[in-house]
Amino acid sequence: WRRSLGERLTLPAALHDERLLVVGDAGHLFEIDTGDGRLISRARLIGEPVAVPLVYPQHTLFFMRSRALPRAVLIPRQSGDNNDQEI
């Protein structure tokens, strides 16, 4: 995937409904279908992941660090829903 993305995928990642949620080193959130490998760019997050994301039925909670400051970002699971919330 690195060649098609133009950025390296970072850990930790989360698995939900047969899709891998992972953040690239440039801060993009990607959703990768584990069945067919299809890639969906979901959002742009500022910072780097620092803990395993918590997956809930409707949202995924990402723990990030940006300029040494902690952040928590709640990403909706529905495609097309871009109402990300910082907590």
PDB file of N, CA and C in Angstrom:
ATOM      1  N   TRP A   1       0.815  -1.205   0.000  1.00  0.00           N
ATOM      2  CA  TRP A   1       0.000   0.000   0.000  1.00  0.00           C
ATOM      3  C   TRP A   1       0.854   1.261   0.000  1.00  0.00           C
ATOM      4  N   ARG A   2       2.075   1.175   0.463  1.00  0.00           N
ATOM      5  CA  ARG A   2       2.897   2.377   0.588  1.00  0.00           C
ATOM      6  C   ARG A   2       3.052   3.095  -0.750  1.00  0.00           C
ATOM      7  N   ARG A   3       3.260   2.364  -1.807  1.00  0.00           N
ATOM      8  CA  ARG A   3       3.443   3.008  -3.107  1.00  0.00           C
ATOM      9  C   ARG A   3       2.195   3.760  -3.541  1.00  0.00           C
ATOM     10  N   SER A   4       1.031   3.158  -3.346  1.00  0.00           N
ATOM     11  CA  SER A   4      -0.198   3.817  -3.783  1.00  0.00           C
ATOM     12  C   SER A   4      -0.589   4.970  -2.870  1.00  0.00           C
ATOM     13  N   LEU A   5      -0.164   4.942  -1.618  1.00  0.00           N
ATOM     14  CA  LEU A   5      -0.525   5.991  -0.667  1.00  0.00           C
ATOM     15  C   LEU A   5       0.411   7.180  -0.718  1.00  0.00           C
ATOM     16  N   GLY A   6       1.674   6.919  -0.962  1.00  0.00           N
ATOM     17  CA  GLY A   6       2.660   7.970  -0.884  1.00  0.00           C
ATOM     18  C   GLY A   6       3.104   8.249   0.538  1.00  0.00           C
ATOM     19  N   GLU A   7       2.662   7.442   1.476  1.00  0.00           N
ATOM     20  CA  GLU A   7       3.098   7.578   2.863  1.00  0.00           C
ATOM     21  C   GLU A   7       3.123   6.202   3.516  1.00  0.00           C
ATOM     22  N   ARG A   8       3.865   6.109   4.584  1.00  0.00           N
ATOM     23  CA  ARG A   8       4.045   4.850   5.300  1.00  0.00           C
ATOM     24  C   ARG A   8       2.947   4.695   6.351  1.00  0.00           C
ATOM     25  N   LEU A   9       2.415   3.491   6.490  1.00  0.00           N
ATOM     26  CA  LEU A   9       1.399   3.225   7.507  1.00  0.00           C
ATOM     27  C   LEU A   9       2.068   3.052   8.856  1.00  0.00           C
ATOM     28  N   THR A  10       1.445   3.565   9.905  1.00  0.00           N
ATOM     29  CA  THR A  10       2.015   3.501  11.244  1.00  0.00           C
ATOM     30  C   THR A  10       1.169   2.603  12.135  1.00  0.00           C
ATOM     31  N   LEU A  11       1.749   2.184  13.219  1.00  0.00           N
ATOM     32  CA  LEU A  11       1.022   1.407  14.220  1.00  0.00           C
ATOM     33  C   LEU A  11       0.819   2.302  15.423  1.00  0.00           C
ATOM     34  N   PRO A  12      -0.144   2.074  16.247  1.00  0.00           N
ATOM     35  CA  PRO A  12      -1.079   0.958  16.256  1.00  0.00           C
ATOM     36  C   PRO A  12      -2.236   1.175  15.281  1.00  0.00           C
ATOM     37  N   ALA A  13      -2.900   0.084  14.950  1.00  0.00           N
ATOM     38  CA  ALA A  13      -4.049   0.102  14.056  1.00  0.00           C
ATOM     39  C   ALA A  13      -5.208  -0.601  14.746  1.00  0.00           C
ATOM     40  N   ALA A  14      -6.385  -0.503  14.162  1.00  0.00           N
ATOM     41  CA  ALA A  14      -7.568  -1.157  14.732  1.00  0.00           C
ATOM     42  C   ALA A  14      -8.269  -1.937  13.633  1.00  0.00           C
ATOM     43  N   LEU A  15      -8.903  -3.035  13.997  1.00  0.00           N
ATOM     44  CA  LEU A  15      -9.674  -3.848  13.063  1.00  0.00           C
ATOM     45  C   LEU A  15     -11.134  -3.770  13.467  1.00  0.00           C
ATOM     46  N   HIS A  16     -12.012  -3.436  12.509  1.00  0.00           N
ATOM     47  CA  HIS A  16     -13.440  -3.317  12.792  1.00  0.00           C
ATOM     48  C   HIS A  16     -14.226  -3.698  11.550  1.00  0.00           C
ATOM     49  N   ASP A  17     -15.171  -4.620  11.687  1.00  0.00           N
ATOM     50  CA  ASP A  17     -16.014  -5.053  10.569  1.00  0.00           C
ATOM     51  C   ASP A  17     -15.196  -5.396   9.328  1.00  0.00           C
ATOM     52  N   GLU A  18     -14.147  -6.192   9.508  1.00  0.00           N
ATOM     53  CA  GLU A  18     -13.280  -6.643   8.422  1.00  0.00           C
ATOM     54  C   GLU A  18     -12.570  -5.495   7.706  1.00  0.00           C
ATOM     55  N   ARG A  19     -12.382  -4.387   8.396  1.00  0.00           N
ATOM     56  CA  ARG A  19     -11.635  -3.258   7.841  1.00  0.00           C
ATOM     57  C   ARG A  19     -10.567  -2.840   8.829  1.00  0.00           C
ATOM     58  N   LEU A  20      -9.390  -2.598   8.297  1.00  0.00           N
ATOM     59  CA  LEU A  20      -8.264  -2.158   9.101  1.00  0.00           C
ATOM     60  C   LEU A  20      -8.228  -0.633   9.084  1.00  0.00           C
ATOM     61  N   LEU A  21      -8.265  -0.025  10.271  1.00  0.00           N
ATOM     62  CA  LEU A  21      -8.170   1.428  10.398  1.00  0.00           C
ATOM     63  C   LEU A  21      -6.750   1.757  10.809  1.00  0.00           C
ATOM     64  N   VAL A  22      -6.059   2.528   9.993  1.00  0.00           N
ATOM     65  CA  VAL A  22      -4.647   2.814  10.248  1.00  0.00           C
ATOM     66  C   VAL A  22      -4.335   4.247   9.813  1.00  0.00           C
ATOM     67  N   VAL A  23      -3.403   4.867  10.512  1.00  0.00           N
ATOM     68  CA  VAL A  23      -2.997   6.241  10.204  1.00  0.00           C
ATOM     69  C   VAL A  23      -1.644   6.201   9.496  1.00  0.00           C
ATOM     70  N   GLY A  24      -1.512   6.991   8.431  1.00  0.00           N
ATOM     71  CA  GLY A  24      -0.244   7.099   7.726  1.00  0.00           C
ATOM     72  C   GLY A  24       0.672   8.094   8.408  1.00  0.00           C
ATOM     73  N   ASP A  25       1.953   8.072   8.046  1.00  0.00           N
ATOM     74  CA  ASP A  25       2.912   8.954   8.713  1.00  0.00           C
ATOM     75  C   ASP A  25       2.691  10.432   8.392  1.00  0.00           C
ATOM     76  N   ALA A  26       1.859  10.753   7.403  1.00  0.00           N
ATOM     77  CA  ALA A  26       1.509  12.149   7.119  1.00  0.00           C
ATOM     78  C   ALA A  26       0.187  12.536   7.778  1.00  0.00           C
ATOM     79  N   GLY A  27      -0.399  11.632   8.563  1.00  0.00           N
ATOM     80  CA  GLY A  27      -1.593  11.952   9.326  1.00  0.00           C
ATOM     81  C   GLY A  27      -2.918  11.589   8.690  1.00  0.00           C
ATOM     82  N   HIS A  28      -2.924  10.938   7.525  1.00  0.00           N
ATOM     83  CA  HIS A  28      -4.185  10.532   6.909  1.00  0.00           C
ATOM     84  C   HIS A  28      -4.698   9.249   7.561  1.00  0.00           C
ATOM     85  N   LEU A  29      -5.990   9.193   7.816  1.00  0.00           N
ATOM     86  CA  LEU A  29      -6.623   7.984   8.332  1.00  0.00           C
ATOM     87  C   LEU A  29      -7.113   7.171   7.142  1.00  0.00           C
ATOM     88  N   PHE A  30      -6.692   5.909   7.076  1.00  0.00           N
ATOM     89  CA  PHE A  30      -7.091   5.029   5.986  1.00  0.00           C
ATOM     90  C   PHE A  30      -7.901   3.862   6.522  1.00  0.00           C
ATOM     91  N   GLU A  31      -8.821   3.403   5.692  1.00  0.00           N
ATOM     92  CA  GLU A  31      -9.615   2.221   5.980  1.00  0.00           C
ATOM     93  C   GLU A  31      -9.287   1.218   4.876  1.00  0.00           C
ATOM     94  N   ILE A  32      -8.787   0.053   5.248  1.00  0.00           N
ATOM     95  CA  ILE A  32      -8.388  -0.957   4.272  1.00  0.00           C
ATOM     96  C   ILE A  32      -9.280  -2.169   4.447  1.00  0.00           C
ATOM     97  N   ASP A  33      -9.980  -2.558   3.382  1.00  0.00           N
ATOM     98  CA  ASP A  33     -10.843  -3.736   3.412  1.00  0.00           C
ATOM     99  C   ASP A  33      -9.957  -4.970   3.421  1.00  0.00           C
ATOM    100  N   THR A  34     -10.085  -5.814   4.439  1.00  0.00           N
ATOM    101  CA  THR A  34      -9.223  -6.991   4.543  1.00  0.00           C
ATOM    102  C   THR A  34      -9.613  -8.082   3.553  1.00  0.00           C
ATOM    103  N   GLY A  35     -10.796  -7.993   2.967  1.00  0.00           N
ATOM    104  CA  GLY A  35     -11.216  -8.990   1.990  1.00  0.00           C
ATOM    105  C   GLY A  35     -10.606  -8.757   0.622  1.00  0.00           C
ATOM    106  N   ASP A  36     -10.734  -7.541   0.104  1.00  0.00           N
ATOM    107  CA  ASP A  36     -10.248  -7.269  -1.249  1.00  0.00           C
ATOM    108  C   ASP A  36      -9.092  -6.272  -1.306  1.00  0.00           C
ATOM    109  N   GLY A  37      -8.662  -5.749  -0.157  1.00  0.00           N
ATOM    110  CA  GLY A  37      -7.536  -4.828  -0.121  1.00  0.00           C
ATOM    111  C   GLY A  37      -7.865  -3.419  -0.571  1.00  0.00           C
ATOM    112  N   ARG A  38      -9.156  -3.151  -0.810  1.00  0.00           N
ATOM    113  CA  ARG A  38      -9.566  -1.813  -1.246  1.00  0.00           C
ATOM    114  C   ARG A  38      -9.236  -0.794  -0.165  1.00  0.00           C
ATOM    115  N   LEU A  39      -8.778   0.364  -0.584  1.00  0.00           N
ATOM    116  CA  LEU A  39      -8.312   1.403   0.325  1.00  0.00           C
ATOM    117  C   LEU A  39      -9.219   2.623   0.239  1.00  0.00           C
ATOM    118  N   ILE A  40      -9.618   3.138   1.400  1.00  0.00           N
ATOM    119  CA  ILE A  40     -10.452   4.332   1.466  1.00  0.00           C
ATOM    120  C   ILE A  40      -9.749   5.338   2.368  1.00  0.00           C
ATOM    121  N   SER A  41      -9.571   6.550   1.883  1.00  0.00           N
ATOM    122  CA  SER A  41      -9.015   7.616   2.721  1.00  0.00           C
ATOM    123  C   SER A  41     -10.179   8.258   3.456  1.00  0.00           C
ATOM    124  N   ARG A  42     -10.117   8.277   4.787  1.00  0.00           N
ATOM    125  CA  ARG A  42     -11.256   8.731   5.586  1.00  0.00           C
ATOM    126  C   ARG A  42     -11.120  10.153   6.116  1.00  0.00           C
ATOM    127  N   ALA A  43      -9.966  10.527   6.590  1.00  0.00           N
ATOM    128  CA  ALA A  43      -9.829  11.830   7.249  1.00  0.00           C
ATOM    129  C   ALA A  43      -8.360  12.201   7.321  1.00  0.00           C
ATOM    130  N   ARG A  44      -8.113  13.418   7.706  1.00  0.00           N
ATOM    131  CA  ARG A  44      -6.741  13.879   7.955  1.00  0.00           C
ATOM    132  C   ARG A  44      -6.648  14.198   9.437  1.00  0.00           C
ATOM    133  N   LEU A  45      -5.800  13.474  10.126  1.00  0.00           N
ATOM    134  CA  LEU A  45      -5.600  13.683  11.553  1.00  0.00           C
ATOM    135  C   LEU A  45      -4.284  14.412  11.759  1.00  0.00           C
ATOM    136  N   ILE A  46      -4.254  15.306  12.702  1.00  0.00           N
ATOM    137  CA  ILE A  46      -3.033  16.037  13.013  1.00  0.00           C
ATOM    138  C   ILE A  46      -2.370  15.341  14.190  1.00  0.00           C
ATOM    139  N   GLY A  47      -1.196  14.789  13.954  1.00  0.00           N
ATOM    140  CA  GLY A  47      -0.475  14.108  15.017  1.00  0.00           C
ATOM    141  C   GLY A  47      -0.169  12.673  14.657  1.00  0.00           C
ATOM    142  N   GLU A  48       0.401  11.957  15.610  1.00  0.00           N
ATOM    143  CA  GLU A  48       0.740  10.554  15.400  1.00  0.00           C
ATOM    144  C   GLU A  48       0.038   9.706  16.452  1.00  0.00           C
ATOM    145  N   PRO A  49      -0.402   8.505  16.066  1.00  0.00           N
ATOM    146  CA  PRO A  49      -1.083   7.644  17.035  1.00  0.00           C
ATOM    147  C   PRO A  49      -0.119   7.175  18.119  1.00  0.00           C
ATOM    148  N   VAL A  50      -0.607   7.114  19.355  1.00  0.00           N
ATOM    149  CA  VAL A  50       0.253   6.717  20.471  1.00  0.00           C
ATOM    150  C   VAL A  50      -0.300   5.531  21.255  1.00  0.00           C
ATOM    151  N   ALA A  51      -1.498   5.094  20.947  1.00  0.00           N
ATOM    152  CA  ALA A  51      -2.099   3.954  21.642  1.00  0.00           C
ATOM    153  C   ALA A  51      -3.045   3.250  20.683  1.00  0.00           C
ATOM    154  N   VAL A  52      -3.401   2.029  21.013  1.00  0.00           N
ATOM    155  CA  VAL A  52      -4.336   1.273  20.180  1.00  0.00           C
ATOM    156  C   VAL A  52      -5.688   1.989  20.187  1.00  0.00           C
ATOM    157  N   PRO A  53      -6.266   2.253  19.009  1.00  0.00           N
ATOM    158  CA  PRO A  53      -7.574   2.909  18.959  1.00  0.00           C
ATOM    159  C   PRO A  53      -8.650   2.035  19.606  1.00  0.00           C
ATOM    160  N   LEU A  54      -9.640   2.672  20.206  1.00  0.00           N
ATOM    161  CA  LEU A  54     -10.786   1.962  20.774  1.00  0.00           C
ATOM    162  C   LEU A  54     -11.904   1.969  19.745  1.00  0.00           C
ATOM    163  N   VAL A  55     -12.404   0.785  19.401  1.00  0.00           N
ATOM    164  CA  VAL A  55     -13.429   0.657  18.371  1.00  0.00           C
ATOM    165  C   VAL A  55     -14.783   0.448  19.038  1.00  0.00           C
ATOM    166  N   TYR A  56     -15.729   1.308  18.711  1.00  0.00           N
ATOM    167  CA  TYR A  56     -17.112   1.219  19.180  1.00  0.00           C
ATOM    168  C   TYR A  56     -18.002   0.988  17.964  1.00  0.00           C
ATOM    169  N   PRO A  57     -19.251   0.567  18.143  1.00  0.00           N
ATOM    170  CA  PRO A  57     -20.111   0.289  16.984  1.00  0.00           C
ATOM    171  C   PRO A  57     -20.267   1.475  16.024  1.00  0.00           C
ATOM    172  N   GLN A  58     -20.339   2.688  16.528  1.00  0.00           N
ATOM    173  CA  GLN A  58     -20.575   3.848  15.670  1.00  0.00           C
ATOM    174  C   GLN A  58     -19.356   4.740  15.467  1.00  0.00           C
ATOM    175  N   HIS A  59     -18.326   4.610  16.316  1.00  0.00           N
ATOM    176  CA  HIS A  59     -17.169   5.498  16.268  1.00  0.00           C
ATOM    177  C   HIS A  59     -15.885   4.734  16.571  1.00  0.00           C
ATOM    178  N   THR A  60     -14.766   5.338  16.234  1.00  0.00           N
ATOM    179  CA  THR A  60     -13.454   4.853  16.650  1.00  0.00           C
ATOM    180  C   THR A  60     -12.748   6.010  17.340  1.00  0.00           C
ATOM    181  N   LEU A  61     -12.176   5.743  18.506  1.00  0.00           N
ATOM    182  CA  LEU A  61     -11.487   6.769  19.281  1.00  0.00           C
ATOM    183  C   LEU A  61      -9.984   6.593  19.087  1.00  0.00           C
ATOM    184  N   PHE A  62      -9.341   7.605  18.500  1.00  0.00           N
ATOM    185  CA  PHE A  62      -7.903   7.583  18.261  1.00  0.00           C
ATOM    186  C   PHE A  62      -7.205   8.454  19.292  1.00  0.00           C
ATOM    187  N   PHE A  63      -6.122   7.943  19.852  1.00  0.00           N
ATOM    188  CA  PHE A  63      -5.297   8.692  20.794  1.00  0.00           C
ATOM    189  C   PHE A  63      -4.060   9.154  20.040  1.00  0.00           C
ATOM    190  N   MET A  64      -3.843  10.457  20.002  1.00  0.00           N
ATOM    191  CA  MET A  64      -2.791  11.038  19.181  1.00  0.00           C
ATOM    192  C   MET A  64      -1.876  11.907  20.035  1.00  0.00           C
ATOM    193  N   ARG A  65      -0.730  12.227  19.451  1.00  0.00           N
ATOM    194  CA  ARG A  65       0.178  13.210  20.043  1.00  0.00           C
ATOM    195  C   ARG A  65       0.540  14.197  18.931  1.00  0.00           C
ATOM    196  N   SER A  66       0.393  15.474  19.236  1.00  0.00           N
ATOM    197  CA  SER A  66       0.714  16.518  18.280  1.00  0.00           C
ATOM    198  C   SER A  66       1.551  17.570  18.993  1.00  0.00           C
ATOM    199  N   ARG A  67       2.805  17.731  18.553  1.00  0.00           N
ATOM    200  CA  ARG A  67       3.743  18.659  19.198  1.00  0.00           C
ATOM    201  C   ARG A  67       3.828  18.380  20.696  1.00  0.00           C
ATOM    202  N   ALA A  68       3.910  17.122  21.042  1.00  0.00           N
ATOM    203  CA  ALA A  68       4.042  16.635  22.421  1.00  0.00           C
ATOM    204  C   ALA A  68       2.773  16.826  23.252  1.00  0.00           C
ATOM    205  N   LEU A  69       1.687  17.305  22.648  1.00  0.00           N
ATOM    206  CA  LEU A  69       0.424  17.449  23.369  1.00  0.00           C
ATOM    207  C   LEU A  69      -0.484  16.259  23.075  1.00  0.00           C
ATOM    208  N   PRO A  70      -1.124  15.680  24.092  1.00  0.00           N
ATOM    209  CA  PRO A  70      -2.038  14.559  23.851  1.00  0.00           C
ATOM    210  C   PRO A  70      -3.352  15.039  23.238  1.00  0.00           C
ATOM    211  N   ARG A  71      -3.924  14.198  22.392  1.00  0.00           N
ATOM    212  CA  ARG A  71      -5.215  14.481  21.762  1.00  0.00           C
ATOM    213  C   ARG A  71      -6.007  13.196  21.688  1.00  0.00           C
ATOM    214  N   ALA A  72      -7.306  13.313  21.706  1.00  0.00           N
ATOM    215  CA  ALA A  72      -8.195  12.182  21.446  1.00  0.00           C
ATOM    216  C   ALA A  72      -9.181  12.637  20.378  1.00  0.00           C
ATOM    217  N   VAL A  73      -9.318  11.845  19.313  1.00  0.00           N
ATOM    218  CA  VAL A  73     -10.186  12.207  18.198  1.00  0.00           C
ATOM    219  C   VAL A  73     -11.183  11.082  17.983  1.00  0.00           C
ATOM    220  N   LEU A  74     -12.470  11.433  17.942  1.00  0.00           N
ATOM    221  CA  LEU A  74     -13.553  10.479  17.736  1.00  0.00           C
ATOM    222  C   LEU A  74     -13.959  10.533  16.269  1.00  0.00           C
ATOM    223  N   ILE A  75     -13.782   9.427  15.555  1.00  0.00           N
ATOM    224  CA  ILE A  75     -14.075   9.353  14.125  1.00  0.00           C
ATOM    225  C   ILE A  75     -15.336   8.514  13.932  1.00  0.00           C
ATOM    226  N   PRO A  76     -16.370   9.032  13.235  1.00  0.00           N
ATOM    227  CA  PRO A  76     -17.568   8.234  12.970  1.00  0.00           C
ATOM    228  C   PRO A  76     -17.258   7.072  12.033  1.00  0.00           C
ATOM    229  N   ARG A  77     -17.955   5.956  12.189  1.00  0.00           N
ATOM    230  CA  ARG A  77     -17.711   4.766  11.380  1.00  0.00           C
ATOM    231  C   ARG A  77     -18.471   4.777  10.061  1.00  0.00           C
ATOM    232  N   GLN A  78     -19.466   5.624   9.892  1.00  0.00           N
ATOM    233  CA  GLN A  78     -20.241   5.634   8.662  1.00  0.00           C
ATOM    234  C   GLN A  78     -19.451   6.325   7.563  1.00  0.00           C
ATOM    235  N   SER A  79     -19.401   5.691   6.402  1.00  0.00           N
ATOM    236  CA  SER A  79     -18.715   6.302   5.263  1.00  0.00           C
ATOM    237  C   SER A  79     -19.419   7.595   4.886  1.00  0.00           C
ATOM    238  N   GLY A  80     -18.644   8.599   4.580  1.00  0.00           N
ATOM    239  CA  GLY A  80     -19.208   9.877   4.183  1.00  0.00           C
ATOM    240  C   GLY A  80     -19.525  10.798   5.340  1.00  0.00           C
ATOM    241  N   ASP A  81     -19.459  10.295   6.572  1.00  0.00           N
ATOM    242  CA  ASP A  81     -19.723  11.122   7.748  1.00  0.00           C
ATOM    243  C   ASP A  81     -18.402  11.719   8.201  1.00  0.00           C
ATOM    244  N   ASN A  82     -18.233  13.004   8.014  1.00  0.00           N
ATOM    245  CA  ASN A  82     -16.966  13.661   8.334  1.00  0.00           C
ATOM    246  C   ASN A  82     -17.056  14.531   9.584  1.00  0.00           C
ATOM    247  N   ASN A  83     -17.926  14.173  10.507  1.00  0.00           N
ATOM    248  CA  ASN A  83     -18.095  14.953  11.731  1.00  0.00           C
ATOM    249  C   ASN A  83     -17.140  14.475  12.810  1.00  0.00           C
ATOM    250  N   ASP A  84     -15.842  14.561  12.538  1.00  0.00           N
ATOM    251  CA  ASP A  84     -14.839  14.162  13.519  1.00  0.00           C
ATOM    252  C   ASP A  84     -14.904  15.122  14.697  1.00  0.00           C
ATOM    253  N   GLN A  85     -14.712  14.579  15.893  1.00  0.00           N
ATOM    254  CA  GLN A  85     -14.762  15.405  17.091  1.00  0.00           C
ATOM    255  C   GLN A  85     -13.495  15.205  17.889  1.00  0.00           C
ATOM    256  N   GLU A  86     -12.894  16.307  18.291  1.00  0.00           N
ATOM    257  CA  GLU A  86     -11.751  16.208  19.192  1.00  0.00           C
ATOM    258  C   GLU A  86     -12.278  16.271  20.612  1.00  0.00           C
ATOM    259  N   ILE A  87     -11.771  15.381  21.445  1.00  0.00           N
ATOM    260  CA  ILE A  87     -12.233  15.293  22.832  1.00  0.00           C
ATOM    261  C   ILE A  87     -11.179  15.893  23.740  1.00  0.00           C
TER     262      ILE A  87
END
